Every structure is written in C-alpha cells, then in structure tokens.
C-alpha cells in the first residue's frame, strides 16, 4: 500500500477523499439525506494513499512514534477499538497461555476476556470496599503478598472507575501490566498523578476518549521498552479490525500534537476541581476524591463522586440537563475536565442543582468474590443451560454478570452463585441498572449456568 509521503495525516485524507470511491464504506463519501451533520467525506479506511494500521509503515508508523515520544514510551500502538484492544492484545502478549496472573477484583470485562483467551491461572485479589460509597478501591501494596515462584505477573487497574490511583505492586521478579483506561491524561501536569510508565509499569492500556478530547473508541497501548513488539503485533493483527476509521486516527494525530505542545489545561482545571470538592463538602456532601486524598491516597481530579441516593439524584439532575457517568445504589460519579469549559459559576450552578445531601435508599454494600468451582475457560466451554435468577444459588456460572457501567463483573464463569451476589443484582435490577449476562425469559430474569 502506498501512502502520500511527507503529508500530515489530515492532508493525506483530504487527498484520498477526492477520488471516486468504488470501495467500502457503503456511503462512498456522499452525504445521504439527513446526514449532513456527519463528516462523511473524511470517513476513510485503508485505501491507497493512506497507511495500514495492522502493519504501519508510513503515516501511522510516524504517528505511533510521535505518540510514544509524547508519553516517554519505548513503543506505542494506536487503537480504534477503545481500551479493549490494547488490554486484550497487550496482556495476551505479556502473559502467555496458562500464565499465573494476579488481578484485583475491580478489573473490566475486557480483562476477563483476556484471561479466558489466554487460559490464565487467575488469582483474584479481594479489594477493599468503601463503606460509605459501596464501591471497590484498589488493593494496597501489602495485599498482593510476596511473589510466588520465579515470576509473578500482576495486572493492575489504576485509576479505578471512580478515580482512585493504586500503588504499583512492583518488585523483584514481577512484571506489571496496567489497565489505565481512565488515566490517559496522567503526567500531563505536575498536579496530576504520574503516568504508570514512570512508576515501573511494563505495558499500559488507555481509553483516550474517556478523559481526553478525542473521538469515542480512540485508544492506545504503551510499552516502557520495545521488547514486547513482536508479541503485541501478532495479537493486534488477530484481534484488531481490518477497517480502521481514519476519522478516529486523525483525531489521534490532533491529540499527539496537543500532548507535545502543553498540559492541555489540566493544571488550571485541577485547581478548579479541588475548589469544587471544597464547596461541595461545605454544603454537606461526602466527596470520595476529597476523603480519599485526606487519607493519603492519590486521586484523579477528572472524577467527582458523591455519596447519595443514586437513582433519586440522577433523576433530579436529568431534569436539569445533567448526565452523570455512573449511577450506583449509594453514589453518583461525574467525569469532568478542562475541555468541558466549566467556569466557577458553572460549578456553583451545578452544586445548586445537585441540592442538599441525600442519604442512600439502601445501605452501601458490595458482594465478595464468589468461591470458584472450576477455571474460567473450562466453565465457559462446558455445556450450559438457562435458569431463573431466583433459582441459581449454589450453581456454577457459565457467563459473567456485569453491571454497566462500570463493566466490572460480579461473578465470572466457574464461580458459584452466592446470596450476596444475588441480592446485589436484585438491587441493581430494582434501580434500572443494566446488567450484562441477564436475559429476559420465562419466569423473569434468567442466567446461564454450567450444565452439571
């Protein structure tokens, strides 16, 4: 495939968009009726004049090198499949088939998919649960224990969905993969937590669209050194799309340039965020980030979480035009950042709409890790049957049950249904939270269990 050498990606796309298209995508770059708000002409994929994402040799290779340099990494891979492809391809290259991997039980479902594909021997770490907010917190360094055997692979989630930063569990004989889907902005300013690469991570996955100004599904995998390149690219070609969106890739080029040019406004925004926390606490709200920071934890200022009756608060905010990121039984989380363009007056108006503190309608709780009957892959490939949710106590799950958001499984294949998991799912159902893995059927909600 030839590319327009020496041209920025945007100019190469403009050159390619002027050709008569007799190839995918099916809109051929023409505006259909009612689609005038979309940049159809720029919706290009891998055609002559542009590079190949699965085997970059020109424009995209240069962009990956720029992105690596902007983060101080040894190598970088661009994703148009969010953080999921970086997590899957990166971790499967990092942990070979059957590897023993320690993972805290606040990992996203994409980590579960990697564990299944890699047939890993997973050691799940029970994590602390905040008693006021009913949300998982990252494990302390001591919770990881001492490495067992010649090599321990540890997969860390940092920051958490609500923005709490974990201590990296590095040490002799330990390799570390960090799912930092929500931490792409880290390190852009001294007021932000340092980037995981600076703290010893070997590979780091980002969902850039979560906190930075890029299009949805823009992601990134970074390696501290170039050593995993062959393994990553093998999995990348296998799991990645063969029709990447150049709209997303052009957005990544804009972001790389912005990352090179400054802090993106994060320094000033961080001051604004902490002032918002202070004002909220003066009004009686319990703010997770402020409480955790006073207890010595590092936090992400892009998140704002309050303890409250989640459903009632979300309903009140929706009536005023606000949409939160995540609504839980005992908390609500918002994502904010410099590109939201919020002023001091906007913050006051937001708190006025939020109103006075409200107590959660139910006590904050979170289920424990269920006991395991068999490995994940074994349970997934065994015959299965559908059963009413009300009758699965003591049976073995064949599918994960995952509230969305945040996408953290409550039970994974091979684990045994326990009362606390069933009670928590019942509470989520009553509050209208979507739980992936639940299906409507005869007798109400049904789940898949291993057919004994």
Protein backbone atom coordinates (compact mmCIF):
# COMPACT_ATOMS: atom_id res chain seq x y z
CA UNK A 1 0.00 0.00 0.00
CA UNK A 2 1.36 3.40 -0.97
CA UNK A 3 0.97 6.46 1.18
CA UNK A 4 1.34 10.15 0.46
CA UNK A 5 4.81 10.54 1.92
CA UNK A 6 5.59 13.77 3.70
CA UNK A 7 1.96 14.79 4.18
CA UNK A 8 0.27 15.11 7.58
CA UNK A 9 -2.47 12.53 8.05
CA UNK A 10 -5.18 15.16 7.61
CA UNK A 11 -3.79 16.26 4.22
CA UNK A 12 -3.39 12.67 3.06
CA UNK A 13 -7.02 12.01 4.00
CA UNK A 14 -8.18 15.06 2.06
CA UNK A 15 -6.23 13.83 -0.99
CA UNK A 16 -7.78 10.36 -0.73
CA UNK A 17 -11.30 11.70 -0.15
CA UNK A 18 -11.36 13.45 -3.56
CA UNK A 19 -11.07 10.22 -5.51
CA UNK A 20 -14.08 8.47 -7.00
CA UNK A 21 -14.78 5.74 -4.47
CA UNK A 22 -15.75 2.29 -5.61
CA UNK A 23 -14.88 0.62 -2.32
CA UNK A 24 -16.02 0.46 1.32
CA UNK A 25 -17.65 2.15 3.20
CA UNK A 26 -21.02 1.94 1.51
CA UNK A 27 -21.85 5.66 1.68
CA UNK A 28 -18.96 6.31 -0.78
CA UNK A 29 -18.23 9.63 0.89
CA UNK A 30 -21.51 11.20 -0.22
CA UNK A 31 -23.91 12.90 2.15
CA UNK A 32 -27.17 10.97 2.49
CA UNK A 33 -30.36 12.83 3.28
CA UNK A 34 -30.40 13.72 6.96
CA UNK A 35 -26.68 13.01 7.40
CA UNK A 36 -25.36 16.48 6.76
CA UNK A 37 -24.05 16.73 10.33
CA UNK A 38 -21.56 13.90 9.71
CA UNK A 39 -18.17 14.26 8.03
CA UNK A 40 -18.84 11.50 5.52
CA UNK A 41 -16.08 12.61 3.15
CA UNK A 42 -13.49 12.06 5.88
CA UNK A 43 -14.75 8.58 6.78
CA UNK A 44 -11.94 6.71 5.08
CA UNK A 45 -10.39 3.32 5.71
CA UNK A 46 -7.25 1.62 4.43
CA UNK A 47 -7.06 2.68 0.78
CA UNK A 48 -4.26 3.83 -1.50
CA UNK A 49 -2.71 6.99 -0.15
CA UNK A 50 -3.16 6.01 3.49
CA UNK A 51 -1.22 3.68 5.75
CA UNK A 52 -2.19 0.29 7.22
CA UNK A 53 -2.95 0.21 10.96
CA UNK A 54 -2.23 -3.50 11.32
CA UNK A 55 1.22 -3.13 9.72
CA UNK A 56 2.07 0.58 9.66
CA UNK A 57 5.00 1.66 7.55
CA UNK A 58 4.34 5.32 6.78
CA UNK A 59 1.98 7.92 8.20
CA UNK A 60 0.64 5.74 11.01
CA UNK A 61 4.06 4.41 11.94
CA UNK A 62 5.23 8.01 12.28
CA UNK A 63 2.17 8.83 14.38
CA UNK A 64 2.82 5.86 16.68
CA UNK A 65 6.40 7.02 17.13
CA UNK A 66 5.21 10.55 17.95
CA UNK A 67 2.71 9.19 20.47
CA UNK A 68 5.37 7.02 22.12
CA UNK A 69 7.69 10.02 22.40
CA UNK A 70 4.91 12.21 23.83
CA UNK A 71 4.39 9.68 26.64
CA UNK A 72 8.06 8.80 27.07
CA UNK A 73 7.38 5.21 25.99
CA UNK A 74 9.53 2.73 24.10
CA UNK A 75 6.67 1.80 21.74
CA UNK A 76 3.04 2.73 21.10
CA UNK A 77 0.11 1.17 19.25
CA UNK A 78 -2.95 3.16 18.13
CA UNK A 79 -6.40 1.69 18.73
CA UNK A 80 -9.77 2.46 17.12
CA UNK A 81 -11.34 -0.14 19.42
CA UNK A 82 -11.08 1.84 22.64
CA UNK A 83 -9.07 0.37 25.50
CA UNK A 84 -10.40 -3.14 24.81
CA UNK A 85 -7.94 -3.98 22.02
CA UNK A 86 -4.95 -2.60 23.98
CA UNK A 87 -5.98 -4.64 27.02
CA UNK A 88 -6.52 -7.82 25.01
CA UNK A 89 -3.55 -7.68 22.63
CA UNK A 90 -1.18 -6.16 25.17
CA UNK A 91 -1.93 -8.51 28.04
CA UNK A 92 -2.02 -11.65 25.86
CA UNK A 93 1.43 -10.77 24.53
CA UNK A 94 2.59 -10.08 28.08
CA UNK A 95 1.15 -13.21 29.75
CA UNK A 96 1.46 -16.42 27.70
CA UNK A 97 -1.11 -19.18 27.64
CA UNK A 98 -1.64 -20.70 31.06
CA UNK A 99 0.31 -17.97 32.87
CA UNK A 100 -0.33 -17.30 36.53
CA UNK A 101 -1.69 -13.75 36.82
CA UNK A 102 -2.73 -11.77 39.90
CA UNK A 103 -5.68 -9.46 39.20
CA UNK A 104 -7.63 -7.29 41.68
CA UNK A 105 -11.37 -7.82 41.53
CA UNK A 106 -12.19 -4.44 40.03
CA UNK A 107 -10.95 -5.25 36.53
CA UNK A 108 -13.03 -4.51 33.45
CA UNK A 109 -14.70 -7.32 31.49
CA UNK A 110 -12.01 -6.96 28.78
CA UNK A 111 -9.50 -8.33 31.31
CA UNK A 112 -11.81 -11.30 31.83
CA UNK A 113 -11.82 -11.84 28.06
CA UNK A 114 -8.01 -11.87 28.04
CA UNK A 115 -7.96 -14.34 30.93
CA UNK A 116 -10.35 -16.59 29.01
CA UNK A 117 -8.44 -16.43 25.71
CA UNK A 118 -5.12 -16.92 27.46
CA UNK A 119 -6.46 -19.66 29.73
CA UNK A 120 -4.64 -17.90 32.56
CA UNK A 121 -4.40 -19.28 36.06
CA UNK A 122 -6.04 -16.23 37.67
CA UNK A 123 -5.54 -15.36 41.30
CA UNK A 124 -8.23 -12.78 42.08
CA UNK A 125 -7.41 -10.26 44.81
CA UNK A 126 -10.24 -9.25 47.12
CA UNK A 127 -10.21 -5.44 47.25
CA UNK A 128 -11.35 -3.00 49.94
CA UNK A 129 -14.89 -1.68 49.67
CA UNK A 130 -15.59 1.90 50.73
CA UNK A 131 -18.31 1.64 53.40
CA UNK A 132 -19.91 4.99 52.54
CA UNK A 133 -19.98 4.74 48.75
CA UNK A 134 -20.25 0.97 48.27
CA UNK A 135 -17.52 0.91 45.60
CA UNK A 136 -14.31 -1.10 45.24
CA UNK A 137 -10.99 0.57 46.00
CA UNK A 138 -7.56 -0.51 44.74
CA UNK A 139 -5.63 -3.03 46.83
CA UNK A 140 -2.78 -1.82 49.00
CA UNK A 141 0.72 -2.98 48.16
CA UNK A 142 0.62 -5.43 51.09
CA UNK A 143 -2.48 -7.18 49.72
CA UNK A 144 -0.53 -8.53 46.75
CA UNK A 145 1.70 -10.62 49.00
CA UNK A 146 5.17 -11.86 48.10
CA UNK A 147 5.84 -13.17 44.59
CA UNK A 148 5.48 -16.95 44.44
CA UNK A 149 7.79 -18.80 42.09
CA UNK A 150 10.29 -17.40 39.59
CA UNK A 151 7.87 -14.90 38.03
CA UNK A 152 4.64 -13.21 39.06
CA UNK A 153 2.56 -11.34 36.53
CA UNK A 154 0.36 -8.66 38.04
CA UNK A 155 -2.39 -6.81 36.20
CA UNK A 156 -3.27 -3.57 37.92
CA UNK A 157 -6.30 -1.32 37.35
CA UNK A 158 -5.33 2.28 38.04
CA UNK A 159 -7.08 4.63 38.27
CA UNK A 160 -10.30 2.92 39.31
CA UNK A 161 -13.55 3.86 37.62
CA UNK A 162 -14.13 6.47 40.34
CA UNK A 163 -10.59 7.82 40.05
CA UNK A 164 -8.58 6.32 42.92
CA UNK A 165 -4.95 5.68 41.98
CA UNK A 166 -3.30 2.43 43.05
CA UNK A 167 0.19 1.85 44.38
CA UNK A 168 2.10 -0.09 41.69
CA UNK A 169 2.98 -3.54 43.10
CA UNK A 170 6.41 -3.84 41.53
CA UNK A 171 9.42 -5.71 42.83
CA UNK A 172 11.97 -8.36 42.07
CA UNK A 173 10.63 -10.94 39.64
CA UNK A 174 7.38 -9.04 38.97
CA UNK A 175 6.11 -7.77 35.62
CA UNK A 176 3.26 -5.29 35.63
CA UNK A 177 0.50 -4.57 33.10
CA UNK A 178 -1.63 -1.52 33.97
CA UNK A 179 -5.16 -1.09 32.69
CA UNK A 180 -5.19 2.70 32.88
CA UNK A 181 -8.20 3.13 30.62
CA UNK A 182 -9.23 6.24 32.56
CA UNK A 183 -5.70 7.63 33.05
CA UNK A 184 -4.55 8.81 29.63
CA UNK A 185 -4.13 12.35 30.96
CA UNK A 186 -1.83 11.33 33.81
CA UNK A 187 1.55 13.04 33.77
CA UNK A 188 0.45 15.99 31.63
CA UNK A 189 0.87 18.35 34.61
CA UNK A 190 2.59 18.12 37.99
CA UNK A 191 -0.80 18.37 39.74
CA UNK A 192 -1.89 15.09 38.14
CA UNK A 193 -0.74 11.63 39.22
CA UNK A 194 2.41 10.43 37.39
CA UNK A 195 2.00 8.21 34.38
CA UNK A 196 2.22 4.45 35.19
CA UNK A 197 5.26 4.08 32.92
CA UNK A 198 7.16 6.39 35.24
CA UNK A 199 6.32 4.11 38.17
CA UNK A 200 7.57 0.86 36.69
CA UNK A 201 4.72 -0.46 34.54
CA UNK A 202 5.83 -2.60 31.61
CA UNK A 203 2.72 -2.04 29.46
CA UNK A 204 -0.13 0.45 29.86
CA UNK A 205 -3.52 0.48 28.13
CA UNK A 206 -5.51 3.71 27.69
CA UNK A 207 -9.01 4.55 26.52
CA UNK A 208 -8.10 8.06 25.39
CA UNK A 209 -11.71 9.06 24.80
CA UNK A 210 -12.59 8.67 28.49
CA UNK A 211 -10.90 11.86 29.66
CA UNK A 212 -9.19 13.46 26.67
CA UNK A 213 -10.64 15.34 23.63
CA UNK A 214 -10.66 12.55 21.04
CA UNK A 215 -13.43 10.59 19.35
CA UNK A 216 -15.05 7.63 21.09
CA UNK A 217 -13.18 4.34 20.54
CA UNK A 218 -9.79 6.07 20.43
CA UNK A 219 -7.30 4.06 22.45
CA UNK A 220 -3.62 3.44 22.98
CA UNK A 221 -1.19 0.79 24.18
CA UNK A 222 2.20 1.89 25.50
CA UNK A 223 5.26 -0.21 26.33
CA UNK A 224 8.09 1.02 28.55
CA UNK A 225 10.56 -0.82 26.32
CA UNK A 226 10.27 -2.18 22.79
CA UNK A 227 10.67 -5.84 23.87
CA UNK A 228 7.01 -6.93 23.51
CA UNK A 229 6.65 -5.55 19.98
CA UNK A 230 6.52 -8.87 18.10
CA UNK A 231 4.05 -10.44 20.51
CA UNK A 232 1.79 -7.38 20.65
CA UNK A 233 1.65 -7.04 16.87
CA UNK A 234 0.82 -10.72 16.46
CA UNK A 235 -2.24 -10.35 18.71
CA UNK A 236 -3.05 -6.91 17.27
CA UNK A 237 -3.37 -8.35 13.77
CA UNK A 238 -5.52 -11.20 15.08
CA UNK A 239 -7.92 -9.15 17.21
CA UNK A 240 -7.86 -5.74 15.56
CA UNK A 241 -10.26 -4.53 12.89
CA UNK A 242 -9.12 -4.62 9.26
CA UNK A 243 -11.21 -1.50 8.53
CA UNK A 244 -9.96 1.19 10.93
CA UNK A 245 -11.68 4.57 10.94
CA UNK A 246 -9.43 7.37 9.76
CA UNK A 247 -11.68 9.87 11.47
CA UNK A 248 -10.51 8.37 14.76
CA UNK A 249 -6.92 8.21 13.62
CA UNK A 250 -6.98 11.86 12.53
CA UNK A 251 -8.26 12.72 16.00
CA UNK A 252 -5.33 10.83 17.49
CA UNK A 253 -2.95 12.89 15.38
CA UNK A 254 -4.51 16.08 16.75
CA UNK A 255 -4.14 14.70 20.27
CA UNK A 256 -0.48 13.75 19.75
CA UNK A 257 0.22 17.31 18.65
CA UNK A 258 -1.62 18.72 21.68
CA UNK A 259 0.27 16.38 24.01
CA UNK A 260 3.54 17.68 22.57
CA UNK A 261 2.50 21.32 22.99
CA UNK A 262 1.45 21.53 26.64
CA UNK A 263 -0.64 20.32 29.55
CA UNK A 264 -3.99 20.69 27.76
CA UNK A 265 -5.33 22.91 30.53
CA UNK A 266 -5.10 20.20 33.19
CA UNK A 267 -3.12 22.35 35.62
CA UNK A 268 -5.76 25.09 35.83
CA UNK A 269 -8.57 22.55 35.77
CA UNK A 270 -7.14 20.63 38.74
CA UNK A 271 -7.31 23.79 40.86
CA UNK A 272 -10.94 24.25 39.77
CA UNK A 273 -11.81 20.64 40.62
CA UNK A 274 -10.42 20.84 44.15
CA UNK A 275 -12.33 24.07 44.72
CA UNK A 276 -15.50 22.26 43.62
CA UNK A 277 -14.82 19.47 46.13
CA UNK A 278 -14.37 22.06 48.88
CA UNK A 279 -17.62 23.87 48.00
CA UNK A 280 -19.49 20.56 47.86
CA UNK A 281 -18.19 19.50 51.27
CA UNK A 282 -19.19 22.85 52.75
CA UNK A 283 -22.73 22.04 51.62
CA UNK A 284 -22.56 18.75 53.49
CA UNK A 285 -21.75 16.36 50.62
CA UNK A 286 -19.35 13.46 51.08
CA UNK A 287 -16.91 13.67 48.17
CA UNK A 288 -14.97 10.45 47.57
CA UNK A 289 -11.94 12.09 45.98
CA UNK A 290 -11.50 14.62 48.80
CA UNK A 291 -11.98 11.97 51.50
CA UNK A 292 -9.52 9.57 49.88
CA UNK A 293 -6.92 12.29 49.37
CA UNK A 294 -7.06 13.25 53.04
CA UNK A 295 -6.46 9.59 53.87
CA UNK A 296 -3.24 9.63 51.84
CA UNK A 297 -4.50 8.18 48.55
CA UNK A 298 -3.72 9.69 45.16
CA UNK A 299 -6.80 10.61 43.17
CA UNK A 300 -7.80 11.62 39.66
CA UNK A 301 -9.27 15.15 39.60
CA UNK A 302 -11.24 14.26 36.46
CA UNK A 303 -13.69 12.33 38.67
CA UNK A 304 -16.25 13.74 41.11
CA UNK A 305 -18.14 11.17 43.20
CA UNK A 306 -20.65 11.87 45.96
CA UNK A 307 -22.40 9.53 48.40
CA UNK A 308 -26.12 9.83 47.75
CA UNK A 309 -29.30 8.05 46.76
CA UNK A 310 -28.07 7.35 43.24
CA UNK A 311 -31.38 6.88 41.44
CA UNK A 312 -33.09 9.89 43.03
CA UNK A 313 -30.11 12.18 42.44
CA UNK A 314 -29.72 11.08 38.82
CA UNK A 315 -33.40 11.74 38.18
CA UNK A 316 -33.16 15.24 39.62
CA UNK A 317 -30.04 16.02 37.59
CA UNK A 318 -31.56 14.67 34.38
CA UNK A 319 -34.48 17.07 34.74
CA UNK A 320 -31.94 19.93 34.78
CA UNK A 321 -30.00 18.60 31.78
CA UNK A 322 -27.04 16.94 33.56
CA UNK A 323 -25.96 13.39 32.69
CA UNK A 324 -23.61 11.62 35.15
CA UNK A 325 -21.09 8.98 34.15
CA UNK A 326 -22.19 6.31 36.63
CA UNK A 327 -25.13 5.87 38.98
CA UNK A 328 -24.79 3.34 41.79
CA UNK A 329 -27.10 2.39 44.66
CA UNK A 330 -25.21 4.68 47.06
CA UNK A 331 -23.22 7.07 44.85
CA UNK A 332 -23.07 9.07 41.64
CA UNK A 333 -19.89 9.71 39.63
CA UNK A 334 -19.24 12.50 37.13
CA UNK A 335 -16.35 12.92 34.68
CA UNK A 336 -15.09 16.47 34.24
CA UNK A 337 -12.03 18.01 32.65
CA UNK A 338 -10.55 21.11 31.06
CA UNK A 339 -12.35 20.59 27.77
CA UNK A 340 -15.77 20.75 29.43
CA UNK A 341 -15.17 24.50 29.62
CA UNK A 342 -16.70 24.82 33.08
CA UNK A 343 -16.31 28.11 34.94
CA UNK A 344 -16.51 28.88 38.65
CA UNK A 345 -20.12 29.97 38.14
CA UNK A 346 -20.87 26.71 36.32
CA UNK A 347 -19.62 24.84 39.37
CA UNK A 348 -21.91 26.78 41.69
CA UNK A 349 -24.90 26.22 39.41
CA UNK A 350 -24.10 22.51 39.26
CA UNK A 351 -23.99 22.28 43.07
CA UNK A 352 -27.25 24.23 43.30
CA UNK A 353 -28.87 21.67 41.01
CA UNK A 354 -27.32 18.84 43.00
CA UNK A 355 -29.15 20.17 46.03
CA UNK A 356 -28.62 19.18 49.65
CA UNK A 357 -27.11 15.81 50.60
CA UNK A 358 -29.40 12.80 50.46
CA UNK A 359 -28.91 9.51 52.24
CA UNK A 360 -28.76 6.36 50.12
CA UNK A 361 -32.06 4.47 50.00
CA UNK A 362 -30.17 1.25 50.77
CA UNK A 363 -27.00 0.66 52.78
CA UNK A 364 -23.83 0.74 50.73
CA UNK A 365 -22.57 -2.79 50.15
CA UNK A 366 -20.68 -4.77 47.52
CA UNK A 367 -20.53 -8.55 47.14
CA UNK A 368 -17.44 -10.63 47.90
CA UNK A 369 -15.64 -12.77 45.30
CA UNK A 370 -17.67 -15.97 44.96
CA UNK A 371 -15.93 -19.33 45.54
CA UNK A 372 -14.51 -20.98 42.43
CA UNK A 373 -15.64 -24.41 41.24
CA UNK A 374 -13.50 -24.57 38.08
CA UNK A 375 -11.22 -22.41 35.89
CA UNK A 376 -12.75 -19.67 33.74
CA UNK A 377 -12.05 -21.29 30.36
CA UNK A 378 -13.28 -24.71 31.49
CA UNK A 379 -16.61 -23.26 32.65
CA UNK A 380 -17.01 -21.13 29.53
CA UNK A 381 -16.65 -24.08 27.14
CA UNK A 382 -18.73 -26.55 29.15
CA UNK A 383 -22.37 -27.23 28.15
CA UNK A 384 -24.70 -24.69 29.74
CA UNK A 385 -28.38 -24.15 30.47
CA UNK A 386 -30.58 -21.17 31.27
CA UNK A 387 -32.06 -20.92 34.75
CA UNK A 388 -34.22 -18.32 36.53
CA UNK A 389 -32.07 -15.95 38.57
CA UNK A 390 -34.12 -16.82 41.63
CA UNK A 391 -33.03 -20.48 41.50
CA UNK A 392 -29.28 -20.36 40.84
CA UNK A 393 -27.95 -20.21 44.41
CA UNK A 394 -25.17 -22.80 44.64
CA UNK A 395 -24.91 -23.33 40.87
CA UNK A 396 -21.84 -22.54 38.73
CA UNK A 397 -21.93 -19.50 36.44
CA UNK A 398 -21.31 -20.12 32.74
CA UNK A 399 -21.33 -16.40 31.84
CA UNK A 400 -20.20 -13.27 33.63
CA UNK A 401 -22.77 -10.91 35.15
CA UNK A 402 -21.53 -7.38 34.65
CA UNK A 403 -23.22 -4.11 35.67
CA UNK A 404 -22.70 -1.40 33.04
CA UNK A 405 -21.28 1.00 33.91
CA UNK A 406 -18.66 0.30 35.26
CA UNK A 407 -18.20 -3.02 33.43
CA UNK A 408 -16.72 -4.90 36.40
CA UNK A 409 -18.02 -8.49 36.58
CA UNK A 410 -19.71 -9.51 39.84
CA UNK A 411 -19.33 -13.19 39.02
CA UNK A 412 -17.26 -14.87 36.30
CA UNK A 413 -17.52 -18.29 34.62
CA UNK A 414 -16.60 -21.06 37.02
CA UNK A 415 -17.71 -19.28 40.20
CA UNK A 416 -20.60 -20.35 42.42
CA UNK A 417 -23.63 -18.09 42.89
CA UNK A 418 -23.83 -16.78 46.48
CA UNK A 419 -26.64 -14.87 48.27
CA UNK A 420 -24.73 -11.56 48.43
CA UNK A 421 -24.18 -11.54 44.65
CA UNK A 422 -27.84 -12.37 44.02
CA UNK A 423 -29.01 -9.70 46.48
CA UNK A 424 -26.79 -7.07 44.85
CA UNK A 425 -28.02 -7.97 41.36
CA UNK A 426 -31.60 -7.76 42.63
CA UNK A 427 -30.94 -4.25 43.96
CA UNK A 428 -29.41 -3.17 40.65
CA UNK A 429 -32.45 -4.54 38.82
CA UNK A 430 -34.82 -2.59 41.03
CA UNK A 431 -32.88 0.57 40.24
CA UNK A 432 -32.81 0.02 36.50
CA UNK A 433 -29.08 -0.65 36.14
CA UNK A 434 -28.18 -2.70 33.07
CA UNK A 435 -26.52 -5.98 33.99
CA UNK A 436 -24.92 -7.77 31.05
CA UNK A 437 -25.49 -11.51 31.21
CA UNK A 438 -29.07 -11.23 32.49
CA UNK A 439 -31.72 -12.17 29.95
CA UNK A 440 -35.49 -11.80 29.98
CA UNK A 441 -37.29 -15.09 29.65
CA UNK A 442 -39.79 -17.45 31.16
CA UNK A 443 -40.16 -16.68 34.85
CA UNK A 444 -38.45 -13.27 34.64
CA UNK A 445 -34.70 -12.73 34.66
CA UNK A 446 -32.58 -15.71 33.66
CA UNK A 447 -28.85 -16.52 33.66
CA UNK A 448 -26.63 -19.19 32.15
CA UNK A 449 -25.16 -21.86 34.44
CA UNK A 450 -22.84 -24.77 33.79
CA UNK A 451 -24.86 -27.87 32.96
CA UNK A 452 -23.75 -30.41 35.54
